[in-house]
Amino acid sequence: MTETSDALELEPGVFALGEPRRIARSLKRSAERSPRRKADPFRSAMSMLTFYINRAGSQLPAAQRVRLEAAKDELRDLFGKPRLRPRRTTPKRT
């Protein structure tokens, strides 16, 4: 086990923010400002988001999972990366 972490310093409550765009902007800011990241800002931000989703697993409420998955697309937009799936015009109901 290590005594220090190379993880990004995130805004408190970033994953609980209500809008995917706000989550993505916060992650982008943290990744760009962090002197401790090991990869480029996009990869660091996306890794933190994916890590959170994976760690929460089945305990993550469906609505929050949808919001966090949408935040991935917003991150791609903010960094000028292509989306993996087309943008939805209306939210999918589950």
PDB file of N, CA and C in Angstrom:
ATOM      1  N   MET A   1       0.842  -1.179   0.000  1.00  0.00           N
ATOM      2  CA  MET A   1       0.000   0.000   0.000  1.00  0.00           C
ATOM      3  C   MET A   1       0.885   1.239   0.000  1.00  0.00           C
ATOM      4  N   THR A   2       0.462   2.256  -0.724  1.00  0.00           N
ATOM      5  CA  THR A   2       1.258   3.477  -0.792  1.00  0.00           C
ATOM      6  C   THR A   2       0.795   4.480   0.249  1.00  0.00           C
ATOM      7  N   GLU A   3       1.685   5.375   0.614  1.00  0.00           N
ATOM      8  CA  GLU A   3       1.338   6.398   1.600  1.00  0.00           C
ATOM      9  C   GLU A   3       0.823   7.659   0.947  1.00  0.00           C
ATOM     10  N   THR A   4       1.078   7.829  -0.326  1.00  0.00           N
ATOM     11  CA  THR A   4       0.583   8.994  -1.045  1.00  0.00           C
ATOM     12  C   THR A   4      -0.240   8.529  -2.233  1.00  0.00           C
ATOM     13  N   SER A   5      -1.056   9.414  -2.745  1.00  0.00           N
ATOM     14  CA  SER A   5      -1.917   9.081  -3.868  1.00  0.00           C
ATOM     15  C   SER A   5      -1.615  10.002  -5.040  1.00  0.00           C
ATOM     16  N   ASP A   6      -1.715   9.448  -6.251  1.00  0.00           N
ATOM     17  CA  ASP A   6      -1.564  10.255  -7.441  1.00  0.00           C
ATOM     18  C   ASP A   6      -2.918  10.620  -8.035  1.00  0.00           C
ATOM     19  N   ALA A   7      -3.964  10.388  -7.258  1.00  0.00           N
ATOM     20  CA  ALA A   7      -5.312  10.704  -7.730  1.00  0.00           C
ATOM     21  C   ALA A   7      -5.507  12.217  -7.795  1.00  0.00           C
ATOM     22  N   LEU A   8      -6.429  12.621  -8.624  1.00  0.00           N
ATOM     23  CA  LEU A   8      -6.750  14.038  -8.747  1.00  0.00           C
ATOM     24  C   LEU A   8      -7.406  14.555  -7.472  1.00  0.00           C
ATOM     25  N   GLU A   9      -7.213  15.824  -7.200  1.00  0.00           N
ATOM     26  CA  GLU A   9      -7.940  16.471  -6.114  1.00  0.00           C
ATOM     27  C   GLU A   9      -9.239  16.982  -6.701  1.00  0.00           C
ATOM     28  N   LEU A  10     -10.344  16.379  -6.290  1.00  0.00           N
ATOM     29  CA  LEU A  10     -11.651  16.708  -6.858  1.00  0.00           C
ATOM     30  C   LEU A  10     -12.430  17.665  -5.979  1.00  0.00           C
ATOM     31  N   GLU A  11     -13.318  18.396  -6.599  1.00  0.00           N
ATOM     32  CA  GLU A  11     -14.258  19.249  -5.889  1.00  0.00           C
ATOM     33  C   GLU A  11     -15.147  18.341  -5.028  1.00  0.00           C
ATOM     34  N   PRO A  12     -15.369  18.678  -3.764  1.00  0.00           N
ATOM     35  CA  PRO A  12     -16.237  17.840  -2.930  1.00  0.00           C
ATOM     36  C   PRO A  12     -17.633  17.703  -3.549  1.00  0.00           C
ATOM     37  N   GLY A  13     -18.135  16.484  -3.584  1.00  0.00           N
ATOM     38  CA  GLY A  13     -19.477  16.229  -4.092  1.00  0.00           C
ATOM     39  C   GLY A  13     -19.616  16.284  -5.595  1.00  0.00           C
ATOM     40  N   VAL A  14     -18.505  16.229  -6.318  1.00  0.00           N
ATOM     41  CA  VAL A  14     -18.559  16.388  -7.778  1.00  0.00           C
ATOM     42  C   VAL A  14     -19.467  15.346  -8.435  1.00  0.00           C
ATOM     43  N   PHE A  15     -19.465  14.123  -7.947  1.00  0.00           N
ATOM     44  CA  PHE A  15     -20.250  13.075  -8.587  1.00  0.00           C
ATOM     45  C   PHE A  15     -21.740  13.155  -8.234  1.00  0.00           C
ATOM     46  N   ALA A  16     -22.077  14.002  -7.289  1.00  0.00           N
ATOM     47  CA  ALA A  16     -23.475  14.183  -6.900  1.00  0.00           C
ATOM     48  C   ALA A  16     -24.098  15.417  -7.549  1.00  0.00           C
ATOM     49  N   LEU A  17     -23.323  16.149  -8.333  1.00  0.00           N
ATOM     50  CA  LEU A  17     -23.869  17.327  -9.003  1.00  0.00           C
ATOM     51  C   LEU A  17     -25.024  16.916  -9.907  1.00  0.00           C
ATOM     52  N   GLY A  18     -25.995  17.783 -10.064  1.00  0.00           N
ATOM     53  CA  GLY A  18     -27.213  17.438 -10.783  1.00  0.00           C
ATOM     54  C   GLY A  18     -27.136  17.377 -12.288  1.00  0.00           C
ATOM     55  N   GLU A  19     -26.192  18.084 -12.885  1.00  0.00           N
ATOM     56  CA  GLU A  19     -26.129  18.156 -14.344  1.00  0.00           C
ATOM     57  C   GLU A  19     -24.836  17.521 -14.852  1.00  0.00           C
ATOM     58  N   PRO A  20     -24.925  16.665 -15.867  1.00  0.00           N
ATOM     59  CA  PRO A  20     -23.731  16.030 -16.419  1.00  0.00           C
ATOM     60  C   PRO A  20     -22.675  17.038 -16.866  1.00  0.00           C
ATOM     61  N   ARG A  21     -23.108  18.163 -17.414  1.00  0.00           N
ATOM     62  CA  ARG A  21     -22.165  19.186 -17.886  1.00  0.00           C
ATOM     63  C   ARG A  21     -21.357  19.761 -16.724  1.00  0.00           C
ATOM     64  N   ARG A  22     -22.013  19.978 -15.586  1.00  0.00           N
ATOM     65  CA  ARG A  22     -21.311  20.513 -14.405  1.00  0.00           C
ATOM     66  C   ARG A  22     -20.299  19.504 -13.877  1.00  0.00           C
ATOM     67  N   ILE A  23     -20.666  18.221 -13.888  1.00  0.00           N
ATOM     68  CA  ILE A  23     -19.754  17.170 -13.446  1.00  0.00           C
ATOM     69  C   ILE A  23     -18.527  17.165 -14.352  1.00  0.00           C
ATOM     70  N   ALA A  24     -18.756  17.191 -15.647  1.00  0.00           N
ATOM     71  CA  ALA A  24     -17.661  17.154 -16.613  1.00  0.00           C
ATOM     72  C   ALA A  24     -16.754  18.380 -16.484  1.00  0.00           C
ATOM     73  N   ARG A  25     -17.342  19.556 -16.329  1.00  0.00           N
ATOM     74  CA  ARG A  25     -16.529  20.777 -16.194  1.00  0.00           C
ATOM     75  C   ARG A  25     -15.663  20.724 -14.942  1.00  0.00           C
ATOM     76  N   SER A  26     -16.224  20.215 -13.853  1.00  0.00           N
ATOM     77  CA  SER A  26     -15.468  20.108 -12.608  1.00  0.00           C
ATOM     78  C   SER A  26     -14.306  19.123 -12.757  1.00  0.00           C
ATOM     79  N   LEU A  27     -14.573  17.975 -13.378  1.00  0.00           N
ATOM     80  CA  LEU A  27     -13.511  16.993 -13.595  1.00  0.00           C
ATOM     81  C   LEU A  27     -12.426  17.549 -14.514  1.00  0.00           C
ATOM     82  N   LYS A  28     -12.829  18.271 -15.533  1.00  0.00           N
ATOM     83  CA  LYS A  28     -11.865  18.870 -16.463  1.00  0.00           C
ATOM     84  C   LYS A  28     -10.979  19.872 -15.729  1.00  0.00           C
ATOM     85  N   ARG A  29     -11.593  20.729 -14.933  1.00  0.00           N
ATOM     86  CA  ARG A  29     -10.834  21.716 -14.150  1.00  0.00           C
ATOM     87  C   ARG A  29      -9.824  21.024 -13.243  1.00  0.00           C
ATOM     88  N   SER A  30     -10.281  20.000 -12.535  1.00  0.00           N
ATOM     89  CA  SER A  30      -9.396  19.282 -11.615  1.00  0.00           C
ATOM     90  C   SER A  30      -8.242  18.629 -12.355  1.00  0.00           C
ATOM     91  N   ALA A  31      -8.533  18.015 -13.479  1.00  0.00           N
ATOM     92  CA  ALA A  31      -7.495  17.324 -14.246  1.00  0.00           C
ATOM     93  C   ALA A  31      -6.467  18.300 -14.820  1.00  0.00           C
ATOM     94  N   GLU A  32      -6.928  19.441 -15.261  1.00  0.00           N
ATOM     95  CA  GLU A  32      -6.009  20.416 -15.845  1.00  0.00           C
ATOM     96  C   GLU A  32      -5.136  21.089 -14.796  1.00  0.00           C
ATOM     97  N   ARG A  33      -5.642  21.229 -13.593  1.00  0.00           N
ATOM     98  CA  ARG A  33      -4.899  21.911 -12.527  1.00  0.00           C
ATOM     99  C   ARG A  33      -3.983  20.984 -11.737  1.00  0.00           C
ATOM    100  N   SER A  34      -4.252  19.696 -11.766  1.00  0.00           N
ATOM    101  CA  SER A  34      -3.529  18.758 -10.913  1.00  0.00           C
ATOM    102  C   SER A  34      -2.088  18.535 -11.360  1.00  0.00           C
ATOM    103  N   PRO A  35      -1.146  18.744 -10.456  1.00  0.00           N
ATOM    104  CA  PRO A  35       0.245  18.438 -10.781  1.00  0.00           C
ATOM    105  C   PRO A  35       0.550  16.948 -10.568  1.00  0.00           C
ATOM    106  N   ARG A  36      -0.412  16.212  -9.996  1.00  0.00           N
ATOM    107  CA  ARG A  36      -0.169  14.816  -9.632  1.00  0.00           C
ATOM    108  C   ARG A  36      -0.685  13.801 -10.640  1.00  0.00           C
ATOM    109  N   ARG A  37      -1.290  14.227 -11.699  1.00  0.00           N
ATOM    110  CA  ARG A  37      -1.841  13.254 -12.645  1.00  0.00           C
ATOM    111  C   ARG A  37      -0.721  12.575 -13.416  1.00  0.00           C
ATOM    112  N   LYS A  38      -0.991  11.341 -13.824  1.00  0.00           N
ATOM    113  CA  LYS A  38       0.011  10.560 -14.545  1.00  0.00           C
ATOM    114  C   LYS A  38      -0.209  10.597 -16.053  1.00  0.00           C
ATOM    115  N   ALA A  39      -1.405  10.909 -16.492  1.00  0.00           N
ATOM    116  CA  ALA A  39      -1.744  10.914 -17.915  1.00  0.00           C
ATOM    117  C   ALA A  39      -2.181  12.318 -18.325  1.00  0.00           C
ATOM    118  N   ASP A  40      -2.594  12.458 -19.585  1.00  0.00           N
ATOM    119  CA  ASP A  40      -3.089  13.755 -20.033  1.00  0.00           C
ATOM    120  C   ASP A  40      -4.411  14.066 -19.317  1.00  0.00           C
ATOM    121  N   PRO A  41      -4.833  15.331 -19.285  1.00  0.00           N
ATOM    122  CA  PRO A  41      -6.024  15.712 -18.526  1.00  0.00           C
ATOM    123  C   PRO A  41      -7.287  14.930 -18.908  1.00  0.00           C
ATOM    124  N   PHE A  42      -7.512  14.700 -20.208  1.00  0.00           N
ATOM    125  CA  PHE A  42      -8.712  13.964 -20.609  1.00  0.00           C
ATOM    126  C   PHE A  42      -8.723  12.564 -20.018  1.00  0.00           C
ATOM    127  N   ARG A  43      -7.631  11.849 -20.169  1.00  0.00           N
ATOM    128  CA  ARG A  43      -7.575  10.477 -19.660  1.00  0.00           C
ATOM    129  C   ARG A  43      -7.710  10.441 -18.143  1.00  0.00           C
ATOM    130  N   SER A  44      -7.106  11.396 -17.452  1.00  0.00           N
ATOM    131  CA  SER A  44      -7.200  11.433 -15.998  1.00  0.00           C
ATOM    132  C   SER A  44      -8.635  11.674 -15.537  1.00  0.00           C
ATOM    133  N   ALA A  45      -9.306  12.633 -16.171  1.00  0.00           N
ATOM    134  CA  ALA A  45     -10.690  12.951 -15.801  1.00  0.00           C
ATOM    135  C   ALA A  45     -11.613  11.771 -16.102  1.00  0.00           C
ATOM    136  N   MET A  46     -11.465  11.175 -17.282  1.00  0.00           N
ATOM    137  CA  MET A  46     -12.311  10.043 -17.659  1.00  0.00           C
ATOM    138  C   MET A  46     -12.045   8.845 -16.744  1.00  0.00           C
ATOM    139  N   SER A  47     -10.811   8.638 -16.377  1.00  0.00           N
ATOM    140  CA  SER A  47     -10.472   7.532 -15.485  1.00  0.00           C
ATOM    141  C   SER A  47     -11.124   7.691 -14.116  1.00  0.00           C
ATOM    142  N   MET A  48     -11.113   8.912 -13.591  1.00  0.00           N
ATOM    143  CA  MET A  48     -11.739   9.148 -12.286  1.00  0.00           C
ATOM    144  C   MET A  48     -13.240   8.893 -12.353  1.00  0.00           C
ATOM    145  N   LEU A  49     -13.869   9.324 -13.421  1.00  0.00           N
ATOM    146  CA  LEU A  49     -15.305   9.127 -13.582  1.00  0.00           C
ATOM    147  C   LEU A  49     -15.636   7.640 -13.727  1.00  0.00           C
ATOM    148  N   THR A  50     -14.891   6.941 -14.538  1.00  0.00           N
ATOM    149  CA  THR A  50     -15.111   5.509 -14.734  1.00  0.00           C
ATOM    150  C   THR A  50     -14.843   4.742 -13.445  1.00  0.00           C
ATOM    151  N   PHE A  51     -13.792   5.108 -12.734  1.00  0.00           N
ATOM    152  CA  PHE A  51     -13.464   4.461 -11.464  1.00  0.00           C
ATOM    153  C   PHE A  51     -14.628   4.601 -10.481  1.00  0.00           C
ATOM    154  N   TYR A  52     -15.173   5.809 -10.383  1.00  0.00           N
ATOM    155  CA  TYR A  52     -16.291   6.034  -9.464  1.00  0.00           C
ATOM    156  C   TYR A  52     -17.494   5.174  -9.842  1.00  0.00           C
ATOM    157  N   ILE A  53     -17.837   5.140 -11.125  1.00  0.00           N
ATOM    158  CA  ILE A  53     -18.982   4.345 -11.582  1.00  0.00           C
ATOM    159  C   ILE A  53     -18.754   2.870 -11.281  1.00  0.00           C
ATOM    160  N   ASN A  54     -17.563   2.381 -11.571  1.00  0.00           N
ATOM    161  CA  ASN A  54     -17.270   0.964 -11.350  1.00  0.00           C
ATOM    162  C   ASN A  54     -17.255   0.599  -9.875  1.00  0.00           C
ATOM    163  N   ARG A  55     -16.702   1.472  -9.041  1.00  0.00           N
ATOM    164  CA  ARG A  55     -16.644   1.184  -7.600  1.00  0.00           C
ATOM    165  C   ARG A  55     -18.035   1.175  -6.977  1.00  0.00           C
ATOM    166  N   ALA A  56     -18.902   2.038  -7.445  1.00  0.00           N
ATOM    167  CA  ALA A  56     -20.259   2.092  -6.899  1.00  0.00           C
ATOM    168  C   ALA A  56     -21.050   0.850  -7.300  1.00  0.00           C
ATOM    169  N   GLY A  57     -20.779   0.336  -8.490  1.00  0.00           N
ATOM    170  CA  GLY A  57     -21.414  -0.893  -8.948  1.00  0.00           C
ATOM    171  C   GLY A  57     -22.927  -0.850  -8.867  1.00  0.00           C
ATOM    172  N   SER A  58     -23.503  -1.907  -8.329  1.00  0.00           N
ATOM    173  CA  SER A  58     -24.959  -2.023  -8.267  1.00  0.00           C
ATOM    174  C   SER A  58     -25.570  -1.103  -7.208  1.00  0.00           C
ATOM    175  N   GLN A  59     -24.737  -0.508  -6.371  1.00  0.00           N
ATOM    176  CA  GLN A  59     -25.238   0.409  -5.342  1.00  0.00           C
ATOM    177  C   GLN A  59     -25.577   1.786  -5.911  1.00  0.00           C
ATOM    178  N   LEU A  60     -25.136   2.043  -7.129  1.00  0.00           N
ATOM    179  CA  LEU A  60     -25.369   3.338  -7.765  1.00  0.00           C
ATOM    180  C   LEU A  60     -26.799   3.400  -8.294  1.00  0.00           C
ATOM    181  N   PRO A  61     -27.593   4.366  -7.835  1.00  0.00           N
ATOM    182  CA  PRO A  61     -28.966   4.483  -8.336  1.00  0.00           C
ATOM    183  C   PRO A  61     -28.981   4.694  -9.855  1.00  0.00           C
ATOM    184  N   ALA A  62     -29.987   4.157 -10.504  1.00  0.00           N
ATOM    185  CA  ALA A  62     -30.085   4.207 -11.968  1.00  0.00           C
ATOM    186  C   ALA A  62     -30.032   5.637 -12.501  1.00  0.00           C
ATOM    187  N   ALA A  63     -30.723   6.552 -11.846  1.00  0.00           N
ATOM    188  CA  ALA A  63     -30.739   7.946 -12.313  1.00  0.00           C
ATOM    189  C   ALA A  63     -29.344   8.566 -12.249  1.00  0.00           C
ATOM    190  N   GLN A  64     -28.612   8.246 -11.193  1.00  0.00           N
ATOM    191  CA  GLN A  64     -27.255   8.800 -11.069  1.00  0.00           C
ATOM    192  C   GLN A  64     -26.326   8.153 -12.091  1.00  0.00           C
ATOM    193  N   ARG A  65     -26.505   6.862 -12.344  1.00  0.00           N
ATOM    194  CA  ARG A  65     -25.684   6.184 -13.350  1.00  0.00           C
ATOM    195  C   ARG A  65     -25.888   6.836 -14.734  1.00  0.00           C
ATOM    196  N   VAL A  66     -27.138   7.110 -15.073  1.00  0.00           N
ATOM    197  CA  VAL A  66     -27.444   7.762 -16.353  1.00  0.00           C
ATOM    198  C   VAL A  66     -26.767   9.131 -16.416  1.00  0.00           C
ATOM    199  N   ARG A  67     -26.838   9.876 -15.317  1.00  0.00           N
ATOM    200  CA  ARG A  67     -26.223  11.212 -15.256  1.00  0.00           C
ATOM    201  C   ARG A  67     -24.698  11.116 -15.417  1.00  0.00           C
ATOM    202  N   LEU A  68     -24.080  10.137 -14.766  1.00  0.00           N
ATOM    203  CA  LEU A  68     -22.630   9.984 -14.844  1.00  0.00           C
ATOM    204  C   LEU A  68     -22.186   9.489 -16.218  1.00  0.00           C
ATOM    205  N   GLU A  69     -22.974   8.616 -16.820  1.00  0.00           N
ATOM    206  CA  GLU A  69     -22.654   8.173 -18.183  1.00  0.00           C
ATOM    207  C   GLU A  69     -22.767   9.350 -19.164  1.00  0.00           C
ATOM    208  N   ALA A  70     -23.752  10.208 -18.941  1.00  0.00           N
ATOM    209  CA  ALA A  70     -23.898  11.405 -19.780  1.00  0.00           C
ATOM    210  C   ALA A  70     -22.718  12.356 -19.557  1.00  0.00           C
ATOM    211  N   ALA A  71     -22.184  12.374 -18.338  1.00  0.00           N
ATOM    212  CA  ALA A  71     -21.026  13.211 -18.045  1.00  0.00           C
ATOM    213  C   ALA A  71     -19.805  12.765 -18.848  1.00  0.00           C
ATOM    214  N   LYS A  72     -19.723  11.475 -19.164  1.00  0.00           N
ATOM    215  CA  LYS A  72     -18.629  10.988 -20.014  1.00  0.00           C
ATOM    216  C   LYS A  72     -18.707  11.640 -21.393  1.00  0.00           C
ATOM    217  N   ASP A  73     -19.906  11.693 -21.951  1.00  0.00           N
ATOM    218  CA  ASP A  73     -20.076  12.346 -23.256  1.00  0.00           C
ATOM    219  C   ASP A  73     -19.742  13.833 -23.173  1.00  0.00           C
ATOM    220  N   GLU A  74     -20.147  14.467 -22.085  1.00  0.00           N
ATOM    221  CA  GLU A  74     -19.834  15.889 -21.906  1.00  0.00           C
ATOM    222  C   GLU A  74     -18.325  16.107 -21.812  1.00  0.00           C
ATOM    223  N   LEU A  75     -17.627  15.202 -21.123  1.00  0.00           N
ATOM    224  CA  LEU A  75     -16.172  15.296 -21.036  1.00  0.00           C
ATOM    225  C   LEU A  75     -15.552  15.206 -22.424  1.00  0.00           C
ATOM    226  N   ARG A  76     -16.056  14.254 -23.212  1.00  0.00           N
ATOM    227  CA  ARG A  76     -15.542  14.113 -24.578  1.00  0.00           C
ATOM    228  C   ARG A  76     -15.751  15.418 -25.362  1.00  0.00           C
ATOM    229  N   ASP A  77     -16.927  16.009 -25.208  1.00  0.00           N
ATOM    230  CA  ASP A  77     -17.210  17.283 -25.891  1.00  0.00           C
ATOM    231  C   ASP A  77     -16.250  18.382 -25.433  1.00  0.00           C
ATOM    232  N   LEU A  78     -16.042  18.499 -24.127  1.00  0.00           N
ATOM    233  CA  LEU A  78     -15.183  19.549 -23.584  1.00  0.00           C
ATOM    234  C   LEU A  78     -13.741  19.419 -24.056  1.00  0.00           C
ATOM    235  N   PHE A  79     -13.295  18.182 -24.251  1.00  0.00           N
ATOM    236  CA  PHE A  79     -11.923  17.948 -24.688  1.00  0.00           C
ATOM    237  C   PHE A  79     -11.810  17.778 -26.196  1.00  0.00           C
ATOM    238  N   GLY A  80     -12.932  17.922 -26.911  1.00  0.00           N
ATOM    239  CA  GLY A  80     -12.897  17.816 -28.365  1.00  0.00           C
ATOM    240  C   GLY A  80     -12.680  16.404 -28.877  1.00  0.00           C
ATOM    241  N   LYS A  81     -13.129  15.422 -28.119  1.00  0.00           N
ATOM    242  CA  LYS A  81     -12.999  14.009 -28.507  1.00  0.00           C
ATOM    243  C   LYS A  81     -14.336  13.541 -29.077  1.00  0.00           C
ATOM    244  N   PRO A  82     -14.316  12.568 -29.982  1.00  0.00           N
ATOM    245  CA  PRO A  82     -15.582  12.079 -30.546  1.00  0.00           C
ATOM    246  C   PRO A  82     -16.386  11.288 -29.513  1.00  0.00           C
ATOM    247  N   ARG A  83     -17.698  11.417 -29.609  1.00  0.00           N
ATOM    248  CA  ARG A  83     -18.594  10.637 -28.746  1.00  0.00           C
ATOM    249  C   ARG A  83     -18.632   9.205 -29.235  1.00  0.00           C
ATOM    250  N   LEU A  84     -18.876   8.292 -28.316  1.00  0.00           N
ATOM    251  CA  LEU A  84     -18.974   6.886 -28.686  1.00  0.00           C
ATOM    252  C   LEU A  84     -20.368   6.519 -29.148  1.00  0.00           C
ATOM    253  N   ARG A  85     -21.336   7.321 -28.752  1.00  0.00           N
ATOM    254  CA  ARG A  85     -22.728   7.070 -29.151  1.00  0.00           C
ATOM    255  C   ARG A  85     -23.366   8.413 -29.501  1.00  0.00           C
ATOM    256  N   PRO A  86     -24.383   8.397 -30.347  1.00  0.00           N
ATOM    257  CA  PRO A  86     -25.013   9.668 -30.740  1.00  0.00           C
ATOM    258  C   PRO A  86     -25.704  10.355 -29.564  1.00  0.00           C
ATOM    259  N   ARG A  87     -25.781  11.668 -29.643  1.00  0.00           N
ATOM    260  CA  ARG A  87     -26.441  12.469 -28.613  1.00  0.00           C
ATOM    261  C   ARG A  87     -27.941  12.222 -28.653  1.00  0.00           C
ATOM    262  N   ARG A  88     -28.552  12.051 -27.493  1.00  0.00           N
ATOM    263  CA  ARG A  88     -30.001  11.873 -27.403  1.00  0.00           C
ATOM    264  C   ARG A  88     -30.670  13.226 -27.315  1.00  0.00           C
ATOM    265  N   THR A  89     -31.834  13.319 -27.939  1.00  0.00           N
ATOM    266  CA  THR A  89     -32.572  14.575 -27.859  1.00  0.00           C
ATOM    267  C   THR A  89     -33.503  14.563 -26.658  1.00  0.00           C
ATOM    268  N   THR A  90     -33.936  13.399 -26.241  1.00  0.00           N
ATOM    269  CA  THR A  90     -34.779  13.267 -25.047  1.00  0.00           C
ATOM    270  C   THR A  90     -34.194  12.171 -24.167  1.00  0.00           C
ATOM    271  N   PRO A  91     -34.293  12.328 -22.854  1.00  0.00           N
ATOM    272  CA  PRO A  91     -33.744  11.297 -21.973  1.00  0.00           C
ATOM    273  C   PRO A  91     -34.517   9.985 -22.079  1.00  0.00           C
ATOM    274  N   LYS A  92     -33.784   8.908 -21.990  1.00  0.00           N
ATOM    275  CA  LYS A  92     -34.396   7.593 -22.015  1.00  0.00           C
ATOM    276  C   LYS A  92     -35.061   7.325 -20.670  1.00  0.00           C
ATOM    277  N   ARG A  93     -36.251   6.825 -20.701  1.00  0.00           N
ATOM    278  CA  ARG A  93     -36.955   6.492 -19.456  1.00  0.00           C
ATOM    279  C   ARG A  93     -36.771   5.032 -19.151  1.00  0.00           C
ATOM    280  N   THR A  94     -36.467   4.747 -17.890  1.00  0.00           N
ATOM    281  CA  THR A  94     -36.285   3.354 -17.476  1.00  0.00           C
ATOM    282  C   THR A  94     -37.328   2.927 -16.497  1.00  0.00           C
TER     283      THR A  94
END
